[in-house]
Structure formats: C-alpha cells, structure tokens
Amino acid sequence: MSKFTIGDYVMALDDDIEGKVVKVASSTYTLLSRDGFEVSYEENELVLDKSKQERLDFTDNFSVLASQNTEFKKRPKQAAIKKKEKLAPPMEVDLHIHKLIKNQKGMTNYDMLTIQMDTAKRQLEFAISKRIPRLVFIHGVGQGVLRAELEYLFRRYESIRYQDGDYKKYGVGAIEVNILQNVR
C-alpha cells in the first residue's frame, strides 16, 4: 500500500524540495516541484506537508460549496467606536519634599533627594504596571538637581518619552512622561 497518493503535497527529507505528487510507481514517487521540475524520490525520503495539505483540503471544500450556489451572508457592519476627543488627564506626582514627608528637620539634601527619587521610581513603576499612559512629575524650580536625576531615571526605560510639562499649568517645574504601551 502506498504511503502517498497523487495530489499529496510532500517534502524531501534531505533536500530543500517540496512539491505535489504527480506519479506513483511502486515505492518511487515523482514530484512536481515549486520550480516546475519533476523529481523522483523513494518513499522513505519523503514526508507529507500537512500545512499545504490542510489548505488544499479547505480549497477543495470551498470549491464544492461554491459550486452548490451556497449563499454566504455578510456580517452586518458594526458602528466604529469613536475615540475620546480629549485625552484623560495625566497622573500627577508632586515631588516637593514637604508633600512627601511630615517633617524634614535634620535631613540632609542627599536624604531628601533619595526620598524624592524613590517616590518617583515607585510611581513610575506603578504607572507602567497599570498601563497609565501619561504622568506629570512636579519637581519645582531650584538648582535643577532633582530634574537632572529624574531625566537620568527616565533614560533607563525604553518605553518612556519625556518632555517639559505644560507651562501654563506647571511653569518650568514639571516633566511630562508618556509611557509607550506597545514597545517590542
């Protein structure tokens, strides 16, 4: 009994040749390759190409259905969902030290900066995990140390773009962060 029949799609095991079986003689099969050449192989040198066979079966079944004048109904069109005209307001994170802790007496500048940066990183990670697209970090106007540290933090993430915050609302003391959702 033959392993393959005429019309089966097969692939050669040791060669980069695949094609359709066009002739069967005992255990020798003749294929019509993609290039249009006829090539002969023994039965043990071939394997059935199931992906093309499934497509062929589908095409055959579709052809039978089409020849029976079967009507296919189109799906009714669904109304397109309109995007919100205005983006949702961004999440605001105020990094002024007096907003983060009750009493900063006796703290060094380094201690305060560490608390501010820990808060910024924690809030950024939260926003990324909850898929919040926009944040505004309010750092205030000063010597620019906190702003420089924030920019250094944001550069570590591939999925983040940042820019100055809205001047009308925050002045020069804020950075707006956009979190890109589908980065690969």
N, C-alpha and C. Protein backbone atom coordinates (compact mmCIF):
# COMPACT_ATOMS: atom_id res chain seq x y z
N MET A 1 0.84 -1.18 0.00
CA MET A 1 0.00 0.00 0.00
C MET A 1 0.88 1.24 0.00
N SER A 2 0.54 2.22 -0.82
CA SER A 2 1.35 3.43 -0.95
C SER A 2 1.10 4.37 0.22
N LYS A 3 2.16 5.00 0.62
CA LYS A 3 2.09 5.95 1.73
C LYS A 3 1.48 7.27 1.26
N PHE A 4 1.76 7.68 0.02
CA PHE A 4 1.27 8.94 -0.53
C PHE A 4 0.44 8.65 -1.77
N THR A 5 -0.46 9.56 -2.07
CA THR A 5 -1.28 9.41 -3.28
C THR A 5 -1.04 10.60 -4.19
N ILE A 6 -1.48 10.49 -5.42
CA ILE A 6 -1.33 11.58 -6.37
C ILE A 6 -2.14 12.78 -5.87
N GLY A 7 -1.50 13.93 -5.86
CA GLY A 7 -2.14 15.15 -5.37
C GLY A 7 -1.68 15.56 -3.99
N ASP A 8 -1.01 14.64 -3.25
CA ASP A 8 -0.48 14.99 -1.92
C ASP A 8 0.69 15.95 -2.07
N TYR A 9 0.81 16.86 -1.12
CA TYR A 9 1.97 17.74 -1.05
C TYR A 9 2.97 17.10 -0.10
N VAL A 10 4.22 16.96 -0.57
CA VAL A 10 5.26 16.31 0.23
C VAL A 10 6.54 17.15 0.20
N MET A 11 7.42 16.83 1.14
CA MET A 11 8.73 17.48 1.22
C MET A 11 9.80 16.40 1.26
N ALA A 12 10.93 16.69 0.63
CA ALA A 12 12.06 15.77 0.68
C ALA A 12 12.78 15.97 2.00
N LEU A 13 13.24 14.87 2.60
CA LEU A 13 13.90 14.94 3.89
C LEU A 13 15.30 15.55 3.79
N ASP A 14 16.08 15.15 2.80
CA ASP A 14 17.47 15.58 2.71
C ASP A 14 17.70 16.74 1.76
N ASP A 15 16.68 17.15 1.01
CA ASP A 15 16.82 18.25 0.05
C ASP A 15 15.81 19.34 0.40
N ASP A 16 16.07 20.51 -0.13
CA ASP A 16 15.15 21.63 0.07
C ASP A 16 14.16 21.65 -1.09
N ILE A 17 13.43 20.55 -1.22
CA ILE A 17 12.47 20.42 -2.33
C ILE A 17 11.14 19.98 -1.76
N GLU A 18 10.11 20.66 -2.22
CA GLU A 18 8.75 20.27 -1.86
C GLU A 18 7.91 20.37 -3.11
N GLY A 19 6.86 19.61 -3.14
CA GLY A 19 6.01 19.65 -4.33
C GLY A 19 4.83 18.71 -4.22
N LYS A 20 4.16 18.57 -5.32
CA LYS A 20 2.95 17.77 -5.39
C LYS A 20 3.27 16.45 -6.07
N VAL A 21 2.75 15.34 -5.53
CA VAL A 21 2.96 14.02 -6.12
C VAL A 21 2.13 13.95 -7.40
N VAL A 22 2.84 13.66 -8.52
CA VAL A 22 2.15 13.57 -9.82
C VAL A 22 2.16 12.15 -10.39
N LYS A 23 3.08 11.30 -9.89
CA LYS A 23 3.17 9.95 -10.44
C LYS A 23 3.66 9.01 -9.34
N VAL A 24 3.07 7.79 -9.30
CA VAL A 24 3.48 6.79 -8.31
C VAL A 24 3.81 5.52 -9.07
N ALA A 25 5.05 5.00 -8.84
CA ALA A 25 5.47 3.73 -9.43
C ALA A 25 6.11 2.92 -8.33
N SER A 26 5.44 1.88 -7.85
CA SER A 26 5.82 1.05 -6.71
C SER A 26 6.18 1.94 -5.52
N SER A 27 7.45 2.01 -5.12
CA SER A 27 7.82 2.86 -3.98
C SER A 27 8.54 4.13 -4.43
N THR A 28 8.48 4.46 -5.71
CA THR A 28 9.09 5.67 -6.24
C THR A 28 7.99 6.68 -6.56
N TYR A 29 8.20 7.90 -6.07
CA TYR A 29 7.21 8.96 -6.28
C TYR A 29 7.84 10.07 -7.10
N THR A 30 7.09 10.57 -8.07
CA THR A 30 7.56 11.70 -8.87
C THR A 30 6.81 12.94 -8.41
N LEU A 31 7.59 13.99 -8.08
CA LEU A 31 7.01 15.24 -7.60
C LEU A 31 7.14 16.30 -8.67
N LEU A 32 6.19 17.21 -8.67
CA LEU A 32 6.30 18.43 -9.46
C LEU A 32 6.67 19.51 -8.45
N SER A 33 7.93 19.98 -8.55
CA SER A 33 8.42 20.93 -7.55
C SER A 33 7.85 22.32 -7.80
N ARG A 34 8.12 23.24 -6.84
CA ARG A 34 7.66 24.63 -6.99
C ARG A 34 8.27 25.28 -8.22
N ASP A 35 9.46 24.83 -8.61
CA ASP A 35 10.15 25.40 -9.76
C ASP A 35 9.65 24.83 -11.08
N GLY A 36 8.77 23.82 -11.01
CA GLY A 36 8.21 23.26 -12.23
C GLY A 36 8.96 22.05 -12.75
N PHE A 37 9.91 21.51 -11.96
CA PHE A 37 10.67 20.33 -12.38
C PHE A 37 10.06 19.08 -11.78
N GLU A 38 10.18 17.97 -12.52
CA GLU A 38 9.75 16.69 -11.99
C GLU A 38 10.96 16.00 -11.38
N VAL A 39 10.82 15.58 -10.11
CA VAL A 39 11.91 14.96 -9.37
C VAL A 39 11.38 13.67 -8.76
N SER A 40 12.19 12.59 -8.80
CA SER A 40 11.76 11.30 -8.25
C SER A 40 12.47 11.01 -6.94
N TYR A 41 11.71 10.44 -5.99
CA TYR A 41 12.24 10.07 -4.67
C TYR A 41 11.64 8.74 -4.26
N GLU A 42 12.38 8.05 -3.38
CA GLU A 42 11.86 6.83 -2.78
C GLU A 42 10.91 7.23 -1.64
N GLU A 43 10.05 6.32 -1.24
CA GLU A 43 9.04 6.59 -0.23
C GLU A 43 9.66 7.03 1.09
N ASN A 44 10.79 6.42 1.49
CA ASN A 44 11.42 6.74 2.78
C ASN A 44 12.16 8.08 2.77
N GLU A 45 12.25 8.75 1.62
CA GLU A 45 12.92 10.05 1.52
C GLU A 45 11.93 11.21 1.57
N LEU A 46 10.63 10.92 1.73
CA LEU A 46 9.61 11.95 1.68
C LEU A 46 8.79 11.99 2.97
N VAL A 47 8.21 13.15 3.21
CA VAL A 47 7.30 13.31 4.34
C VAL A 47 6.14 14.19 3.86
N LEU A 48 4.94 13.94 4.39
CA LEU A 48 3.75 14.67 4.00
C LEU A 48 3.82 16.10 4.53
N ASP A 49 3.51 17.09 3.69
CA ASP A 49 3.48 18.50 4.10
C ASP A 49 2.05 18.80 4.52
N LYS A 50 1.78 18.67 5.83
CA LYS A 50 0.41 18.79 6.34
C LYS A 50 -0.16 20.20 6.19
N SER A 51 0.69 21.21 6.30
CA SER A 51 0.17 22.59 6.22
C SER A 51 -0.43 22.86 4.84
N LYS A 52 0.25 22.42 3.80
CA LYS A 52 -0.29 22.63 2.45
C LYS A 52 -1.45 21.70 2.19
N GLN A 53 -1.42 20.53 2.78
CA GLN A 53 -2.50 19.57 2.58
C GLN A 53 -3.79 20.11 3.19
N GLU A 54 -3.70 20.73 4.39
CA GLU A 54 -4.89 21.30 5.02
C GLU A 54 -5.45 22.43 4.17
N ARG A 55 -4.56 23.26 3.63
CA ARG A 55 -5.03 24.35 2.77
C ARG A 55 -5.69 23.79 1.52
N LEU A 56 -5.12 22.72 0.98
CA LEU A 56 -5.69 22.09 -0.21
C LEU A 56 -7.08 21.54 0.10
N ASP A 57 -7.20 20.87 1.27
CA ASP A 57 -8.50 20.32 1.66
C ASP A 57 -9.53 21.44 1.82
N PHE A 58 -9.14 22.55 2.42
CA PHE A 58 -10.03 23.68 2.59
C PHE A 58 -10.46 24.23 1.23
N THR A 59 -9.47 24.37 0.32
CA THR A 59 -9.78 24.91 -1.00
C THR A 59 -10.73 23.99 -1.74
N ASP A 60 -10.49 22.69 -1.63
CA ASP A 60 -11.39 21.74 -2.29
C ASP A 60 -12.80 21.85 -1.73
N ASN A 61 -12.92 21.90 -0.40
CA ASN A 61 -14.23 22.00 0.24
C ASN A 61 -14.91 23.31 -0.14
N PHE A 62 -14.16 24.37 -0.20
CA PHE A 62 -14.71 25.67 -0.57
C PHE A 62 -15.21 25.64 -2.01
N SER A 63 -14.43 25.00 -2.88
CA SER A 63 -14.85 24.89 -4.28
C SER A 63 -16.15 24.12 -4.41
N VAL A 64 -16.31 23.06 -3.63
CA VAL A 64 -17.55 22.27 -3.65
C VAL A 64 -18.72 23.13 -3.19
N LEU A 65 -18.53 23.88 -2.10
CA LEU A 65 -19.59 24.75 -1.59
C LEU A 65 -19.95 25.83 -2.60
N ALA A 66 -18.96 26.40 -3.22
CA ALA A 66 -19.21 27.46 -4.20
C ALA A 66 -19.95 26.92 -5.41
N SER A 67 -19.65 25.70 -5.80
CA SER A 67 -20.32 25.13 -6.96
C SER A 67 -21.78 24.79 -6.66
N GLN A 68 -22.14 24.68 -5.38
CA GLN A 68 -23.51 24.36 -4.99
C GLN A 68 -24.36 25.63 -4.88
N ASN A 69 -23.81 26.78 -5.28
CA ASN A 69 -24.50 28.06 -5.23
C ASN A 69 -24.96 28.41 -3.81
N THR A 70 -24.16 28.08 -2.87
CA THR A 70 -24.48 28.42 -1.49
C THR A 70 -24.29 29.91 -1.30
N GLU A 71 -25.25 30.53 -0.65
CA GLU A 71 -25.14 31.96 -0.40
C GLU A 71 -24.42 32.19 0.92
N PHE A 72 -23.48 33.09 0.88
CA PHE A 72 -22.77 33.48 2.09
C PHE A 72 -23.28 34.85 2.49
N LYS A 73 -23.74 34.97 3.73
CA LYS A 73 -24.25 36.26 4.20
C LYS A 73 -23.11 37.06 4.80
N LYS A 74 -23.10 38.33 4.47
CA LYS A 74 -22.09 39.21 5.05
C LYS A 74 -22.52 39.59 6.46
N ARG A 75 -21.53 39.78 7.31
CA ARG A 75 -21.83 40.25 8.65
C ARG A 75 -22.29 41.70 8.60
N PRO A 76 -23.23 42.06 9.42
CA PRO A 76 -23.62 43.47 9.44
C PRO A 76 -22.48 44.32 9.98
N LYS A 77 -22.36 45.52 9.42
CA LYS A 77 -21.28 46.40 9.86
C LYS A 77 -21.57 46.89 11.27
N GLN A 78 -20.52 46.89 12.06
CA GLN A 78 -20.65 47.40 13.43
C GLN A 78 -20.23 48.85 13.44
N ALA A 79 -20.87 49.62 14.27
CA ALA A 79 -20.52 51.03 14.37
C ALA A 79 -19.13 51.16 14.96
N ALA A 80 -18.33 52.02 14.35
CA ALA A 80 -16.97 52.24 14.84
C ALA A 80 -17.02 52.95 16.18
N ILE A 81 -16.15 52.54 17.07
CA ILE A 81 -16.09 53.17 18.38
C ILE A 81 -15.29 54.45 18.25
N LYS A 82 -15.90 55.56 18.62
CA LYS A 82 -15.22 56.84 18.50
C LYS A 82 -14.26 57.02 19.66
N LYS A 83 -13.08 57.54 19.34
CA LYS A 83 -12.09 57.81 20.37
C LYS A 83 -12.50 59.05 21.13
N LYS A 84 -12.09 59.11 22.36
CA LYS A 84 -12.39 60.30 23.15
C LYS A 84 -11.69 61.48 22.52
N GLU A 85 -12.41 62.57 22.47
CA GLU A 85 -11.83 63.75 21.85
C GLU A 85 -10.70 64.32 22.68
N LYS A 86 -10.83 64.22 23.97
CA LYS A 86 -9.80 64.75 24.84
C LYS A 86 -9.14 63.60 25.59
N LEU A 87 -7.85 63.67 25.71
CA LEU A 87 -7.15 62.62 26.46
C LEU A 87 -7.47 62.77 27.95
N ALA A 88 -7.42 61.66 28.63
CA ALA A 88 -7.65 61.69 30.07
C ALA A 88 -6.55 62.51 30.74
N PRO A 89 -6.85 63.19 31.82
CA PRO A 89 -5.82 63.99 32.47
C PRO A 89 -4.70 63.09 32.99
N PRO A 90 -3.49 63.59 32.96
CA PRO A 90 -2.36 62.75 33.39
C PRO A 90 -2.35 62.57 34.91
N MET A 91 -1.71 61.52 35.35
CA MET A 91 -1.50 61.28 36.77
C MET A 91 -0.42 62.26 37.23
N GLU A 92 -0.66 62.97 38.32
CA GLU A 92 0.30 63.95 38.82
C GLU A 92 1.01 63.40 40.05
N VAL A 93 2.33 63.56 40.07
CA VAL A 93 3.14 63.15 41.21
C VAL A 93 3.91 64.38 41.67
N ASP A 94 3.55 64.90 42.84
CA ASP A 94 4.22 66.08 43.38
C ASP A 94 5.40 65.62 44.22
N LEU A 95 6.61 66.00 43.81
CA LEU A 95 7.82 65.55 44.49
C LEU A 95 8.39 66.59 45.46
N HIS A 96 7.63 67.63 45.76
CA HIS A 96 8.10 68.57 46.78
C HIS A 96 8.23 67.81 48.10
N ILE A 97 9.32 68.01 48.78
CA ILE A 97 9.62 67.20 49.96
C ILE A 97 8.57 67.37 51.05
N HIS A 98 8.02 68.55 51.21
CA HIS A 98 7.01 68.75 52.25
C HIS A 98 5.70 68.04 51.93
N LYS A 99 5.50 67.61 50.67
CA LYS A 99 4.31 66.83 50.29
C LYS A 99 4.54 65.34 50.54
N LEU A 100 5.80 64.94 50.67
CA LEU A 100 6.12 63.52 50.81
C LEU A 100 6.27 63.09 52.26
N ILE A 101 6.85 63.94 53.09
CA ILE A 101 7.05 63.59 54.49
C ILE A 101 6.58 64.73 55.37
N LYS A 102 6.25 64.43 56.63
CA LYS A 102 5.73 65.44 57.53
C LYS A 102 6.81 66.39 58.03
N ASN A 103 7.95 65.84 58.38
CA ASN A 103 8.99 66.67 58.99
C ASN A 103 10.33 66.34 58.37
N GLN A 104 10.97 67.34 57.78
CA GLN A 104 12.27 67.11 57.16
C GLN A 104 13.41 67.70 57.99
N LYS A 105 13.12 68.01 59.24
CA LYS A 105 14.12 68.59 60.13
C LYS A 105 15.28 67.61 60.33
N GLY A 106 16.48 68.11 60.20
CA GLY A 106 17.67 67.29 60.42
C GLY A 106 18.06 66.43 59.23
N MET A 107 17.33 66.50 58.12
CA MET A 107 17.65 65.69 56.95
C MET A 107 18.64 66.44 56.06
N THR A 108 19.55 65.69 55.47
CA THR A 108 20.49 66.30 54.54
C THR A 108 19.81 66.38 53.17
N ASN A 109 20.42 67.14 52.27
CA ASN A 109 19.90 67.24 50.90
C ASN A 109 19.90 65.87 50.23
N TYR A 110 20.92 65.06 50.52
CA TYR A 110 21.01 63.71 49.95
C TYR A 110 19.83 62.86 50.41
N ASP A 111 19.49 62.93 51.71
CA ASP A 111 18.36 62.15 52.24
C ASP A 111 17.06 62.56 51.54
N MET A 112 16.86 63.86 51.38
CA MET A 112 15.63 64.34 50.74
C MET A 112 15.57 63.91 49.28
N LEU A 113 16.70 64.01 48.58
CA LEU A 113 16.75 63.60 47.18
C LEU A 113 16.47 62.10 47.04
N THR A 114 16.99 61.30 47.97
CA THR A 114 16.75 59.85 47.94
C THR A 114 15.27 59.54 48.11
N ILE A 115 14.60 60.23 49.02
CA ILE A 115 13.16 60.01 49.22
C ILE A 115 12.40 60.41 47.96
N GLN A 116 12.76 61.54 47.37
CA GLN A 116 12.08 62.01 46.16
C GLN A 116 12.28 61.04 45.00
N MET A 117 13.49 60.54 44.83
CA MET A 117 13.76 59.61 43.72
C MET A 117 13.09 58.26 43.95
N ASP A 118 13.07 57.78 45.19
CA ASP A 118 12.37 56.52 45.48
C ASP A 118 10.88 56.65 45.16
N THR A 119 10.30 57.79 45.54
CA THR A 119 8.89 58.03 45.24
C THR A 119 8.66 58.08 43.74
N ALA A 120 9.53 58.78 43.02
CA ALA A 120 9.38 58.90 41.57
C ALA A 120 9.46 57.53 40.91
N LYS A 121 10.44 56.73 41.30
CA LYS A 121 10.60 55.40 40.69
C LYS A 121 9.40 54.51 41.02
N ARG A 122 8.95 54.54 42.26
CA ARG A 122 7.80 53.73 42.67
C ARG A 122 6.54 54.13 41.88
N GLN A 123 6.31 55.43 41.73
CA GLN A 123 5.13 55.89 40.99
C GLN A 123 5.24 55.56 39.50
N LEU A 124 6.44 55.65 38.95
CA LEU A 124 6.65 55.31 37.55
C LEU A 124 6.39 53.83 37.30
N GLU A 125 6.90 52.98 38.17
CA GLU A 125 6.66 51.53 38.05
C GLU A 125 5.18 51.21 38.19
N PHE A 126 4.50 51.90 39.11
CA PHE A 126 3.06 51.72 39.27
C PHE A 126 2.32 52.08 37.99
N ALA A 127 2.68 53.21 37.39
CA ALA A 127 2.02 53.66 36.17
C ALA A 127 2.25 52.69 35.02
N ILE A 128 3.46 52.15 34.93
CA ILE A 128 3.77 51.18 33.87
C ILE A 128 2.95 49.91 34.08
N SER A 129 2.88 49.43 35.33
CA SER A 129 2.14 48.20 35.60
C SER A 129 0.64 48.36 35.39
N LYS A 130 0.11 49.55 35.66
CA LYS A 130 -1.33 49.80 35.49
C LYS A 130 -1.67 50.37 34.11
N ARG A 131 -0.66 50.47 33.24
CA ARG A 131 -0.82 50.96 31.87
C ARG A 131 -1.41 52.37 31.81
N ILE A 132 -0.94 53.22 32.70
CA ILE A 132 -1.33 54.63 32.70
C ILE A 132 -0.44 55.32 31.68
N PRO A 133 -1.02 55.96 30.66
CA PRO A 133 -0.20 56.46 29.55
C PRO A 133 0.58 57.75 29.83
N ARG A 134 0.09 58.59 30.75
CA ARG A 134 0.74 59.89 30.97
C ARG A 134 0.88 60.18 32.45
N LEU A 135 2.03 60.74 32.82
CA LEU A 135 2.30 61.18 34.18
C LEU A 135 2.93 62.56 34.12
N VAL A 136 2.75 63.33 35.17
CA VAL A 136 3.46 64.59 35.30
C VAL A 136 4.16 64.55 36.65
N PHE A 137 5.46 64.69 36.63
CA PHE A 137 6.25 64.78 37.85
C PHE A 137 6.51 66.25 38.13
N ILE A 138 6.00 66.74 39.25
CA ILE A 138 6.20 68.13 39.63
C ILE A 138 7.42 68.17 40.55
N HIS A 139 8.50 68.77 40.06
CA HIS A 139 9.75 68.79 40.82
C HIS A 139 10.06 70.16 41.38
N GLY A 140 9.41 71.19 40.88
CA GLY A 140 9.64 72.54 41.37
C GLY A 140 10.86 73.17 40.71
N VAL A 141 11.05 74.44 41.03
CA VAL A 141 12.17 75.19 40.49
C VAL A 141 13.21 75.30 41.59
N GLY A 142 14.42 74.99 41.26
CA GLY A 142 15.51 75.06 42.24
C GLY A 142 16.83 75.06 41.50
N GLN A 143 17.77 74.31 42.03
CA GLN A 143 19.08 74.24 41.39
C GLN A 143 19.11 73.23 40.24
N GLY A 144 18.07 72.44 40.08
CA GLY A 144 17.98 71.51 38.95
C GLY A 144 18.52 70.13 39.23
N VAL A 145 18.87 69.83 40.48
CA VAL A 145 19.43 68.52 40.80
C VAL A 145 18.36 67.43 40.66
N LEU A 146 17.18 67.66 41.21
CA LEU A 146 16.10 66.68 41.13
C LEU A 146 15.69 66.45 39.68
N ARG A 147 15.59 67.50 38.90
CA ARG A 147 15.22 67.37 37.49
C ARG A 147 16.25 66.53 36.74
N ALA A 148 17.53 66.77 36.99
CA ALA A 148 18.59 66.00 36.33
C ALA A 148 18.51 64.52 36.72
N GLU A 149 18.24 64.26 37.99
CA GLU A 149 18.11 62.87 38.43
C GLU A 149 16.89 62.19 37.81
N LEU A 150 15.80 62.93 37.68
CA LEU A 150 14.60 62.37 37.04
C LEU A 150 14.88 62.03 35.58
N GLU A 151 15.54 62.91 34.87
CA GLU A 151 15.87 62.64 33.46
C GLU A 151 16.78 61.43 33.34
N TYR A 152 17.72 61.29 34.27
CA TYR A 152 18.60 60.12 34.28
C TYR A 152 17.77 58.84 34.50
N LEU A 153 16.79 58.90 35.39
CA LEU A 153 15.91 57.75 35.65
C LEU A 153 15.09 57.40 34.40
N PHE A 154 14.53 58.41 33.74
CA PHE A 154 13.68 58.16 32.57
C PHE A 154 14.46 57.58 31.40
N ARG A 155 15.73 57.94 31.28
CA ARG A 155 16.54 57.42 30.16
C ARG A 155 16.81 55.93 30.29
N ARG A 156 16.61 55.37 31.47
CA ARG A 156 16.83 53.94 31.67
C ARG A 156 15.72 53.08 31.06
N TYR A 157 14.58 53.68 30.77
CA TYR A 157 13.43 52.94 30.25
C TYR A 157 13.30 53.19 28.75
N GLU A 158 13.17 52.11 27.98
CA GLU A 158 13.00 52.24 26.53
C GLU A 158 11.61 52.74 26.17
N SER A 159 10.63 52.41 27.00
CA SER A 159 9.24 52.69 26.67
C SER A 159 8.76 54.06 27.16
N ILE A 160 9.70 54.94 27.49
CA ILE A 160 9.31 56.24 28.06
C ILE A 160 9.85 57.37 27.20
N ARG A 161 8.97 58.34 26.96
CA ARG A 161 9.36 59.60 26.33
C ARG A 161 8.97 60.70 27.30
N TYR A 162 9.84 61.69 27.47
CA TYR A 162 9.52 62.76 28.42
C TYR A 162 9.81 64.11 27.79
N GLN A 163 9.14 65.13 28.35
CA GLN A 163 9.28 66.50 27.88
C GLN A 163 8.89 67.43 29.02
N ASP A 164 9.08 68.72 28.82
CA ASP A 164 8.66 69.69 29.82
C ASP A 164 7.15 69.62 29.98
N GLY A 165 6.70 69.83 31.22
CA GLY A 165 5.26 69.83 31.49
C GLY A 165 4.61 71.08 30.91
N ASP A 166 3.28 71.13 30.94
CA ASP A 166 2.52 72.26 30.43
C ASP A 166 2.92 73.53 31.18
N TYR A 167 3.45 74.49 30.44
CA TYR A 167 3.97 75.72 31.04
C TYR A 167 2.86 76.53 31.71
N LYS A 168 1.69 76.56 31.09
CA LYS A 168 0.58 77.33 31.66
C LYS A 168 0.15 76.79 33.02
N LYS A 169 0.20 75.49 33.17
CA LYS A 169 -0.28 74.87 34.41
C LYS A 169 0.82 74.70 35.45
N TYR A 170 2.04 74.31 35.02
CA TYR A 170 3.10 73.96 35.97
C TYR A 170 4.29 74.91 35.95
N GLY A 171 4.37 75.78 35.00
CA GLY A 171 5.56 76.63 34.87
C GLY A 171 6.72 75.78 34.36
N VAL A 172 7.92 76.07 34.86
CA VAL A 172 9.09 75.30 34.41
C VAL A 172 9.45 74.20 35.41
N GLY A 173 8.58 73.93 36.37
CA GLY A 173 8.90 72.97 37.42
C GLY A 173 8.27 71.61 37.27
N ALA A 174 8.06 71.12 36.04
CA ALA A 174 7.44 69.81 35.86
C ALA A 174 7.94 69.12 34.60
N ILE A 175 7.88 67.80 34.62
CA ILE A 175 8.23 66.97 33.47
C ILE A 175 7.04 66.08 33.18
N GLU A 176 6.60 66.07 31.91
CA GLU A 176 5.52 65.17 31.49
C GLU A 176 6.14 63.93 30.89
N VAL A 177 5.65 62.78 31.33
CA VAL A 177 6.17 61.49 30.88
C VAL A 177 5.07 60.76 30.11
N ASN A 178 5.40 60.28 28.92
CA ASN A 178 4.49 59.45 28.13
C ASN A 178 5.03 58.03 28.12
N ILE A 179 4.19 57.10 28.50
CA ILE A 179 4.59 55.69 28.54
C ILE A 179 4.03 55.02 27.30
N LEU A 180 4.92 54.54 26.44
CA LEU A 180 4.51 53.86 25.21
C LEU A 180 4.06 52.44 25.60
N GLN A 181 2.90 52.03 25.14
CA GLN A 181 2.31 50.79 25.61
C GLN A 181 2.76 49.57 24.83
N ASN A 182 3.04 49.68 23.55
CA ASN A 182 3.31 48.50 22.73
C ASN A 182 4.73 48.51 22.18
N VAL A 183 5.69 48.64 23.02
CA VAL A 183 7.09 48.64 22.59
C VAL A 183 7.58 47.20 22.53
N ARG A 184 8.27 46.83 21.45
CA ARG A 184 8.78 45.46 21.29
C ARG A 184 10.27 45.46 21.18
